[in-house]
N, C-alpha and C. Protein backbone atom coordinates (compact mmCIF):
# COMPACT_ATOMS: atom_id res chain seq x y z
N UNK A 1 -59.86 -99.92 -10.83
CA UNK A 1 -59.00 -101.07 -11.03
C UNK A 1 -57.91 -101.06 -9.96
N UNK A 2 -57.59 -102.20 -9.40
CA UNK A 2 -56.60 -102.32 -8.33
C UNK A 2 -55.19 -102.27 -8.90
N UNK A 3 -54.29 -101.72 -8.11
CA UNK A 3 -52.87 -101.67 -8.48
C UNK A 3 -52.23 -102.98 -8.04
N UNK A 4 -51.85 -103.83 -8.99
CA UNK A 4 -51.30 -105.14 -8.67
C UNK A 4 -49.79 -105.19 -8.85
N UNK A 5 -49.13 -104.05 -8.77
CA UNK A 5 -47.68 -103.99 -8.94
C UNK A 5 -46.97 -104.72 -7.80
N UNK A 6 -45.92 -105.43 -8.12
CA UNK A 6 -45.13 -106.13 -7.11
C UNK A 6 -44.07 -105.21 -6.50
N UNK A 7 -43.93 -104.03 -7.03
CA UNK A 7 -42.95 -103.08 -6.53
C UNK A 7 -43.64 -102.06 -5.64
N UNK A 8 -42.95 -101.73 -4.54
CA UNK A 8 -43.51 -100.76 -3.62
C UNK A 8 -43.33 -99.37 -4.20
N UNK A 9 -44.39 -98.63 -4.25
CA UNK A 9 -44.31 -97.24 -4.68
C UNK A 9 -44.87 -96.38 -3.57
N UNK A 10 -44.09 -95.45 -3.16
CA UNK A 10 -44.52 -94.56 -2.08
C UNK A 10 -45.21 -93.34 -2.66
N UNK A 11 -46.25 -92.91 -2.00
CA UNK A 11 -46.93 -91.68 -2.41
C UNK A 11 -46.11 -90.45 -2.01
N UNK A 12 -45.20 -90.62 -1.05
CA UNK A 12 -44.33 -89.53 -0.59
C UNK A 12 -42.89 -90.03 -0.56
N UNK A 13 -42.23 -90.06 -1.70
CA UNK A 13 -40.89 -90.66 -1.77
C UNK A 13 -39.84 -89.94 -0.93
N UNK A 14 -40.06 -88.68 -0.59
CA UNK A 14 -39.07 -87.95 0.19
C UNK A 14 -39.34 -87.98 1.69
N UNK A 15 -40.39 -88.65 2.11
CA UNK A 15 -40.74 -88.68 3.53
C UNK A 15 -39.61 -89.25 4.37
N UNK A 16 -39.00 -90.31 3.94
CA UNK A 16 -37.87 -90.90 4.67
C UNK A 16 -36.67 -89.98 4.71
N UNK A 17 -36.46 -89.25 3.64
CA UNK A 17 -35.34 -88.31 3.58
C UNK A 17 -35.53 -87.19 4.60
N UNK A 18 -36.73 -86.66 4.68
CA UNK A 18 -37.00 -85.60 5.64
C UNK A 18 -36.85 -86.10 7.07
N UNK A 19 -37.28 -87.31 7.32
CA UNK A 19 -37.13 -87.91 8.65
C UNK A 19 -35.65 -88.05 9.00
N UNK A 20 -34.85 -88.52 8.06
CA UNK A 20 -33.42 -88.68 8.30
C UNK A 20 -32.76 -87.34 8.59
N UNK A 21 -33.10 -86.31 7.81
CA UNK A 21 -32.54 -84.98 8.04
C UNK A 21 -32.96 -84.44 9.40
N UNK A 22 -34.20 -84.66 9.79
CA UNK A 22 -34.66 -84.21 11.10
C UNK A 22 -33.89 -84.88 12.22
N UNK A 23 -33.59 -86.16 12.07
CA UNK A 23 -32.81 -86.87 13.08
C UNK A 23 -31.40 -86.34 13.16
N UNK A 24 -30.80 -86.06 12.01
CA UNK A 24 -29.45 -85.50 11.99
C UNK A 24 -29.42 -84.13 12.65
N UNK A 25 -30.37 -83.27 12.30
CA UNK A 25 -30.42 -81.94 12.90
C UNK A 25 -30.66 -82.01 14.40
N UNK A 26 -31.50 -82.92 14.84
CA UNK A 26 -31.75 -83.08 16.28
C UNK A 26 -30.47 -83.51 17.00
N UNK A 27 -29.71 -84.39 16.39
CA UNK A 27 -28.44 -84.83 16.97
C UNK A 27 -27.48 -83.67 17.07
N UNK A 28 -27.39 -82.86 16.02
CA UNK A 28 -26.50 -81.70 16.03
C UNK A 28 -26.90 -80.70 17.11
N UNK A 29 -28.21 -80.46 17.25
CA UNK A 29 -28.68 -79.53 18.29
C UNK A 29 -28.36 -80.06 19.68
N UNK A 30 -28.53 -81.37 19.88
CA UNK A 30 -28.24 -81.99 21.18
C UNK A 30 -26.75 -81.86 21.51
N UNK A 31 -25.88 -82.13 20.53
CA UNK A 31 -24.44 -82.00 20.75
C UNK A 31 -24.06 -80.58 21.12
N UNK A 32 -24.59 -79.62 20.39
CA UNK A 32 -24.28 -78.21 20.67
C UNK A 32 -24.73 -77.84 22.07
N UNK A 33 -25.92 -78.28 22.48
CA UNK A 33 -26.44 -77.97 23.81
C UNK A 33 -25.57 -78.62 24.89
N UNK A 34 -25.22 -79.89 24.70
CA UNK A 34 -24.40 -80.59 25.69
C UNK A 34 -23.03 -79.96 25.82
N UNK A 35 -22.44 -79.53 24.72
CA UNK A 35 -21.12 -78.89 24.77
C UNK A 35 -21.19 -77.54 25.45
N UNK A 36 -22.28 -76.84 25.23
CA UNK A 36 -22.47 -75.55 25.90
C UNK A 36 -22.59 -75.75 27.41
N UNK A 37 -23.36 -76.76 27.82
CA UNK A 37 -23.50 -77.08 29.23
C UNK A 37 -22.17 -77.52 29.84
N UNK A 38 -21.41 -78.31 29.10
CA UNK A 38 -20.10 -78.77 29.56
C UNK A 38 -19.16 -77.59 29.79
N UNK A 39 -19.22 -76.63 28.90
CA UNK A 39 -18.36 -75.45 29.02
C UNK A 39 -18.72 -74.61 30.24
N UNK A 40 -19.94 -74.72 30.72
CA UNK A 40 -20.37 -73.90 31.84
C UNK A 40 -20.09 -74.54 33.20
N UNK A 41 -19.56 -75.76 33.24
CA UNK A 41 -19.29 -76.43 34.51
C UNK A 41 -18.12 -75.76 35.23
N UNK A 42 -18.21 -75.69 36.54
CA UNK A 42 -17.12 -75.08 37.32
C UNK A 42 -16.02 -76.10 37.59
N UNK A 43 -14.90 -75.63 38.11
CA UNK A 43 -13.72 -76.47 38.33
C UNK A 43 -14.01 -77.61 39.30
N UNK A 44 -14.80 -77.34 40.33
CA UNK A 44 -15.11 -78.37 41.31
C UNK A 44 -15.89 -79.52 40.68
N UNK A 45 -16.86 -79.19 39.87
CA UNK A 45 -17.66 -80.22 39.19
C UNK A 45 -16.79 -81.02 38.24
N UNK A 46 -15.92 -80.34 37.51
CA UNK A 46 -15.02 -81.05 36.59
C UNK A 46 -14.13 -82.02 37.35
N UNK A 47 -13.62 -81.56 38.48
CA UNK A 47 -12.77 -82.42 39.30
C UNK A 47 -13.56 -83.62 39.80
N UNK A 48 -14.82 -83.40 40.22
CA UNK A 48 -15.67 -84.52 40.67
C UNK A 48 -15.91 -85.53 39.55
N UNK A 49 -16.00 -85.03 38.33
CA UNK A 49 -16.23 -85.91 37.18
C UNK A 49 -14.95 -86.57 36.67
N UNK A 50 -13.82 -86.11 37.17
CA UNK A 50 -12.53 -86.65 36.74
C UNK A 50 -12.10 -86.11 35.39
N UNK A 51 -12.54 -84.90 35.07
CA UNK A 51 -12.19 -84.28 33.80
C UNK A 51 -11.25 -83.10 34.02
N UNK A 52 -10.36 -82.90 33.08
CA UNK A 52 -9.46 -81.75 33.16
C UNK A 52 -9.98 -80.63 32.26
N UNK A 53 -9.45 -79.45 32.46
CA UNK A 53 -9.87 -78.33 31.62
C UNK A 53 -9.47 -78.54 30.16
N UNK A 54 -8.37 -79.25 29.94
CA UNK A 54 -7.97 -79.53 28.54
C UNK A 54 -8.94 -80.51 27.88
N UNK A 55 -9.46 -81.47 28.65
CA UNK A 55 -10.49 -82.39 28.13
C UNK A 55 -11.72 -81.59 27.70
N UNK A 56 -12.13 -80.66 28.55
CA UNK A 56 -13.30 -79.84 28.27
C UNK A 56 -13.07 -78.97 27.05
N UNK A 57 -11.91 -78.32 26.99
CA UNK A 57 -11.60 -77.46 25.84
C UNK A 57 -11.60 -78.24 24.54
N UNK A 58 -11.06 -79.45 24.57
CA UNK A 58 -11.04 -80.28 23.37
C UNK A 58 -12.45 -80.57 22.90
N UNK A 59 -13.32 -80.97 23.83
CA UNK A 59 -14.69 -81.33 23.47
C UNK A 59 -15.51 -80.11 23.04
N UNK A 60 -15.37 -79.02 23.77
CA UNK A 60 -16.17 -77.83 23.51
C UNK A 60 -15.81 -77.20 22.15
N UNK A 61 -14.57 -77.31 21.74
CA UNK A 61 -14.14 -76.68 20.49
C UNK A 61 -14.39 -77.53 19.25
N UNK A 62 -14.99 -78.70 19.41
CA UNK A 62 -15.36 -79.51 18.25
C UNK A 62 -16.55 -78.86 17.55
N UNK A 63 -16.62 -78.96 16.23
CA UNK A 63 -17.82 -78.49 15.53
C UNK A 63 -19.01 -79.38 15.89
N UNK A 64 -20.20 -78.84 15.82
CA UNK A 64 -21.40 -79.57 16.24
C UNK A 64 -21.64 -80.84 15.43
N UNK A 65 -21.13 -80.91 14.22
CA UNK A 65 -21.38 -82.09 13.39
C UNK A 65 -20.41 -83.23 13.70
N UNK A 66 -19.38 -82.97 14.48
CA UNK A 66 -18.40 -83.98 14.80
C UNK A 66 -18.71 -84.59 16.16
N UNK A 67 -18.74 -85.93 16.22
CA UNK A 67 -19.07 -86.58 17.50
C UNK A 67 -17.83 -86.77 18.35
């Protein structure tokens, strides 16, 4: 017998939740990696980018979950 329900029922109700968590974790990993790379830049590169050491310290010391 066919299911004639007008309401959507997912066979995997948590699939979207896992996808959302994976996206969040990927963002956190990317931020941590970018901040680590930023911390490794030398003074000449920072000067070329127009950034000060205090700008870098502020960004690098943020927790990974904060944008």
